[in-house]
Structures are given as structure tokens and as C-alpha cells.
Amino acid sequence: MKIEDAIAQLIKEKNNGTQSIILAYWKADMFDQEDNDEWHSYTELVEDEMDWSRAHDQMTDLISAAADGFRGCDRFPLLHVVADGTQKD
């Protein structure tokens, strides 16, 4: 995706009342690529062909675990500090 396309989508969301989103991006240099037309074709390929359902499922699980205060959560072992600053055992 070209940056100007992403900005247009963000502006549309903002105008529709969206206040917060989850945003992640990967630049060409993160894949040892040059930011050029070839890279742009790769970004379109990934956007069209990538199965994002696992990432969505993981985010859903993480949000659910956070909403539950991470009680009994063993899926995210690195998340041991809860909102009040105490550590989970």
C-alpha cells in the first residue's frame, strides 16, 4: 500500500468517527528490500494473499485476556504485569 492510500483510509475512518485503531506496518528495509516499484508490487501481493486471520485471532485473544485482567492466562507468558503494576505468579 502506498502511504498516501493509507492516509486517505485513516482520514476516512476519522471522518466516520473512529477514534482508535490497531496499526502495524512493515517497511521495505525490514525485508532487505528497496522502497521502489518492485517493493510496492510485493506490498500489494501481501495485502491480497496474506492470511491475516491468525493475527486477528491472536489480537482477539489478547484483548479478551486483557479485559479479563489476564486471570488464568497462559497464552501470553510474557504478559506478567497487570494494570496496577503488580506481577502475576
Protein backbone atom coordinates (compact mmCIF):
# COMPACT_ATOMS: atom_id res chain seq x y z
CA MET A 1 0.00 0.00 0.00
CA LYS A 2 1.24 3.47 -0.79
CA ILE A 3 1.43 5.81 2.19
CA GLU A 4 -0.98 8.27 0.58
CA ASP A 5 -3.56 5.45 0.28
CA ALA A 6 -3.13 4.60 3.97
CA ILE A 7 -3.53 8.27 4.91
CA ALA A 8 -6.72 8.51 2.84
CA GLN A 9 -8.12 5.43 4.61
CA LEU A 10 -7.21 6.87 8.01
CA ILE A 11 -8.85 10.19 7.18
CA LYS A 12 -11.99 8.36 6.06
CA GLU A 13 -12.08 6.42 9.33
CA LYS A 14 -11.53 9.59 11.35
CA ASN A 15 -14.36 11.32 9.46
CA ASN A 16 -16.60 8.32 10.19
CA GLY A 17 -15.99 8.79 13.92
CA THR A 18 -13.33 6.14 14.52
CA GLN A 19 -11.09 7.32 17.35
CA SER A 20 -8.62 4.47 17.92
CA ILE A 21 -7.24 1.68 15.74
CA ILE A 22 -4.60 -1.02 15.86
CA LEU A 23 -1.97 -0.14 13.30
CA ALA A 24 1.10 -2.04 12.19
CA TYR A 25 3.28 -1.59 9.16
CA TRP A 26 6.39 -3.07 7.67
CA LYS A 27 8.81 -1.04 5.56
CA ALA A 28 10.95 -2.33 2.71
CA ASP A 29 14.17 -2.20 4.71
CA MET A 30 12.69 -4.65 7.22
CA PHE A 31 12.87 -7.24 4.43
CA ASP A 32 16.19 -6.09 2.95
CA GLN A 33 14.30 -4.53 0.03
CA GLU A 34 14.50 -1.14 -1.64
CA ASP A 35 11.43 1.11 -1.40
CA ASN A 36 10.64 1.17 -5.11
CA ASP A 37 8.01 -0.04 -7.60
CA GLU A 38 9.07 -3.66 -7.11
CA TRP A 39 8.55 -3.32 -3.34
CA HIS A 40 5.14 -1.76 -3.98
CA SER A 41 4.15 -4.81 -6.03
CA TYR A 42 5.24 -7.01 -3.12
CA THR A 43 3.13 -4.98 -0.70
CA GLU A 44 0.08 -5.45 -2.92
CA LEU A 45 0.80 -9.19 -3.15
CA VAL A 46 0.99 -9.50 0.64
CA GLU A 47 -2.17 -7.43 1.16
CA ASP A 48 -4.04 -9.59 -1.34
CA GLU A 49 -2.69 -13.03 -0.44
CA MET A 50 -1.74 -12.92 3.26
CA ASP A 51 -4.00 -14.84 5.63
CA TRP A 52 -4.48 -12.24 8.36
CA SER A 53 -6.97 -14.41 10.30
CA ARG A 54 -4.31 -15.76 12.67
CA ALA A 55 -3.14 -12.27 13.53
CA HIS A 56 -6.77 -11.24 14.09
CA ASP A 57 -7.39 -14.29 16.28
CA GLN A 58 -4.28 -13.51 18.36
CA MET A 59 -5.34 -9.89 18.79
CA THR A 60 -8.84 -11.01 19.79
CA ASP A 61 -7.38 -13.41 22.35
CA LEU A 62 -5.06 -10.73 23.73
CA ILE A 63 -7.86 -8.16 24.03
CA SER A 64 -10.10 -10.73 25.75
CA ALA A 65 -7.31 -11.68 28.15
CA ALA A 66 -6.62 -8.03 28.94
CA ALA A 67 -10.33 -7.37 29.52
CA ASP A 68 -10.28 -10.28 31.98
CA GLY A 69 -7.21 -8.93 33.77
CA PHE A 70 -5.08 -11.79 32.38
CA ARG A 71 -6.54 -14.10 35.05
CA GLY A 72 -5.61 -17.69 34.33
CA CYS A 73 -3.98 -16.66 31.09
CA ASP A 74 -1.16 -18.91 29.97
CA ARG A 75 -1.38 -17.98 26.28
CA PHE A 76 0.68 -14.81 26.72
CA PRO A 77 3.53 -15.80 29.07
CA LEU A 78 5.39 -12.52 28.59
CA LEU A 79 2.48 -10.53 29.99
CA HIS A 80 3.07 -10.85 33.70
CA VAL A 81 2.46 -7.29 34.82
CA VAL A 82 -1.15 -6.27 35.26
CA ALA A 83 -2.53 -2.75 35.10
CA ASP A 84 -1.94 -1.99 38.79
CA GLY A 85 1.79 -2.74 38.40
CA THR A 86 1.81 -5.96 40.41
CA GLN A 87 3.32 -9.10 38.97
CA LYS A 88 1.39 -12.27 38.30
CA ASP A 89 2.80 -15.53 39.59
